[in-house]
Protein backbone atom coordinates (compact mmCIF):
# COMPACT_ATOMS: atom_id res chain seq x y z
CA UNK A 1 7.34 -30.04 19.09
CA UNK A 2 6.22 -29.96 15.52
CA UNK A 3 7.61 -27.41 13.12
CA UNK A 4 6.04 -26.73 9.84
CA UNK A 5 8.19 -25.87 6.92
CA UNK A 6 6.65 -23.58 4.38
CA UNK A 7 7.93 -22.93 0.97
CA UNK A 8 8.04 -19.46 -0.43
CA UNK A 9 6.39 -19.47 -3.75
CA UNK A 10 7.67 -17.32 -6.60
CA UNK A 11 4.10 -16.91 -7.82
CA UNK A 12 3.35 -14.21 -5.24
CA UNK A 13 5.92 -11.90 -6.82
CA UNK A 14 4.11 -12.09 -10.13
CA UNK A 15 0.78 -11.27 -8.51
CA UNK A 16 2.24 -8.19 -6.84
CA UNK A 17 3.63 -6.94 -10.15
CA UNK A 18 0.29 -7.44 -11.91
CA UNK A 19 -1.57 -5.65 -9.10
CA UNK A 20 0.91 -2.77 -9.24
CA UNK A 21 0.46 -2.56 -13.01
CA UNK A 22 -3.28 -1.96 -12.45
CA UNK A 23 -3.02 0.36 -9.45
CA UNK A 24 -0.12 2.72 -10.36
CA UNK A 25 -1.75 4.22 -13.50
CA UNK A 26 -4.92 4.88 -11.51
CA UNK A 27 -2.94 6.54 -8.72
CA UNK A 28 -1.01 8.66 -11.22
CA UNK A 29 -4.24 9.73 -12.94
CA UNK A 30 -5.77 10.60 -9.57
CA UNK A 31 -2.70 12.63 -8.59
CA UNK A 32 -2.54 14.54 -11.88
CA UNK A 33 -6.29 15.08 -11.74
CA UNK A 34 -6.00 16.65 -8.29
CA UNK A 35 -3.20 18.93 -9.52
CA UNK A 36 -5.11 19.78 -12.70
CA UNK A 37 -8.38 20.72 -11.02
CA UNK A 38 -6.62 22.43 -8.13
CA UNK A 39 -4.83 24.68 -10.64
CA UNK A 40 -8.12 25.20 -12.50
CA UNK A 41 -9.91 26.35 -9.34
CA UNK A 42 -7.00 28.61 -8.40
CA UNK A 43 -7.21 30.29 -11.83
CA UNK A 44 -10.98 30.61 -11.50
CA UNK A 45 -10.52 32.29 -8.11
CA UNK A 46 -8.04 34.77 -9.65
CA UNK A 47 -10.44 35.56 -12.49
CA UNK A 48 -13.32 36.06 -10.04
CA UNK A 49 -11.14 38.40 -8.00
CA UNK A 50 -10.36 40.43 -11.13
CA UNK A 51 -14.07 40.67 -11.99
CA UNK A 52 -14.83 41.71 -8.41
CA UNK A 53 -12.22 44.48 -8.53
CA UNK A 54 -13.55 45.62 -11.91
CA UNK A 55 -17.17 45.87 -10.81
CA UNK A 56 -16.12 47.60 -7.60
CA UNK A 57 -14.39 50.26 -9.68
CA UNK A 58 -17.39 50.51 -12.04
CA UNK A 59 -19.95 51.10 -9.26
CA UNK A 60 -17.78 53.87 -7.84
CA UNK A 61 -17.47 55.55 -11.25
CA UNK A 62 -13.81 54.64 -11.84
CA UNK A 63 -12.15 52.87 -14.79
CA UNK A 64 -13.20 49.23 -14.44
CA UNK A 65 -10.90 47.94 -17.21
CA UNK A 66 -7.85 49.36 -15.44
CA UNK A 67 -8.94 47.63 -12.23
CA UNK A 68 -9.31 44.27 -14.01
CA UNK A 69 -5.99 44.77 -15.80
CA UNK A 70 -4.31 45.59 -12.51
CA UNK A 71 -5.24 42.14 -11.17
CA UNK A 72 -4.80 40.11 -14.36
CA UNK A 73 -1.45 41.64 -15.32
CA UNK A 74 0.02 41.24 -11.83
CA UNK A 75 2.95 38.80 -11.49
CA UNK A 76 0.94 36.27 -9.48
CA UNK A 77 -1.61 35.92 -12.31
CA UNK A 78 0.82 36.57 -15.15
CA UNK A 79 -1.50 36.99 -18.14
CA UNK A 80 -1.22 39.48 -21.00
CA UNK A 81 -4.06 41.75 -22.07
CA UNK A 82 -4.62 39.55 -25.13
CA UNK A 83 -5.20 36.47 -22.96
CA UNK A 84 -8.59 37.55 -21.57
CA UNK A 85 -11.72 39.48 -22.49
CA UNK A 86 -13.64 41.94 -20.34
CA UNK A 87 -17.39 42.34 -20.86
CA UNK A 88 -18.43 45.76 -19.50
CA UNK A 89 -21.68 46.50 -17.69
CA UNK A 90 -24.65 47.19 -19.97
CA UNK A 91 -25.58 50.35 -18.11
CA UNK A 92 -22.10 51.82 -17.65
CA UNK A 93 -23.01 55.34 -18.79
CA UNK A 94 -26.50 55.72 -17.41
CA UNK A 95 -26.66 53.69 -14.19
CA UNK A 96 -28.67 55.19 -11.36
CA UNK A 97 -27.84 54.73 -7.70
CA UNK A 98 -28.87 51.22 -6.65
CA UNK A 99 -28.93 49.77 -10.20
CA UNK A 100 -27.08 46.47 -10.61
CA UNK A 101 -23.85 46.51 -12.61
CA UNK A 102 -22.14 43.35 -13.86
CA UNK A 103 -18.56 42.87 -15.08
CA UNK A 104 -17.51 39.61 -16.72
CA UNK A 105 -13.98 38.35 -17.33
CA UNK A 106 -13.38 35.48 -19.76
CA UNK A 107 -10.13 33.52 -20.06
CA UNK A 108 -9.75 30.82 -22.71
CA UNK A 109 -8.11 27.64 -21.40
CA UNK A 110 -6.36 26.66 -24.64
CA UNK A 111 -3.70 29.24 -23.79
CA UNK A 112 -0.53 27.56 -22.43
CA UNK A 113 -0.05 30.46 -19.99
CA UNK A 114 -3.08 29.25 -18.08
CA UNK A 115 -0.93 26.33 -16.95
CA UNK A 116 -3.49 23.55 -17.24
CA UNK A 117 -2.46 20.04 -18.19
CA UNK A 118 -4.13 19.43 -21.53
CA UNK A 119 -5.28 15.79 -21.49
CA UNK A 120 -8.76 15.97 -23.01
CA UNK A 121 -9.46 12.24 -22.95
CA UNK A 122 -8.51 11.73 -19.31
CA UNK A 123 -9.33 15.06 -17.67
CA UNK A 124 -12.09 17.16 -19.22
CA UNK A 125 -11.35 20.88 -19.15
CA UNK A 126 -13.78 23.70 -19.96
CA UNK A 127 -12.91 25.72 -23.06
CA UNK A 128 -13.12 28.95 -21.10
CA UNK A 129 -13.14 30.20 -17.54
CA UNK A 130 -15.75 32.90 -16.98
CA UNK A 131 -16.35 35.00 -13.89
CA UNK A 132 -19.29 37.35 -13.53
CA UNK A 133 -19.76 39.65 -10.54
CA UNK A 134 -22.75 41.95 -9.91
CA UNK A 135 -22.91 44.83 -7.44
CA UNK A 136 -25.29 47.76 -6.92
CA UNK A 137 -24.24 51.23 -8.14
CA UNK A 138 -23.14 53.49 -5.33
CA UNK A 139 -23.37 57.20 -4.80
CA UNK A 140 -25.25 59.84 -6.75
CA UNK A 141 -26.45 59.11 -10.26
């Protein structure tokens, strides 16, 4: 019976450390990127929901700004009225039944309340989040 004796080399430990030094920053950037863009898409969904509620109120003849404010000022969104802009429909006063009405909501991402990680070199972020929703006017003119 022949037994082979192998020596454990200390060089393997150095290789593992060098490989880890290359891989860990990439994994951290990937993790923070997933968190960053996940938060970005969640905020965009909230802004779209606010625009949808606003245009729904506008086509029914109600106060569309109050509907947008109701969503944007809620605790789960947590923005102040100064943190976003509302662009009203062009035909708000003279829309006929069936005419399209569009409400836009704009939130600027440089606001720390938005909650985005601001790393412009690593993770590009748009300067504003904009949602635009169009629906047809309902009811009598």
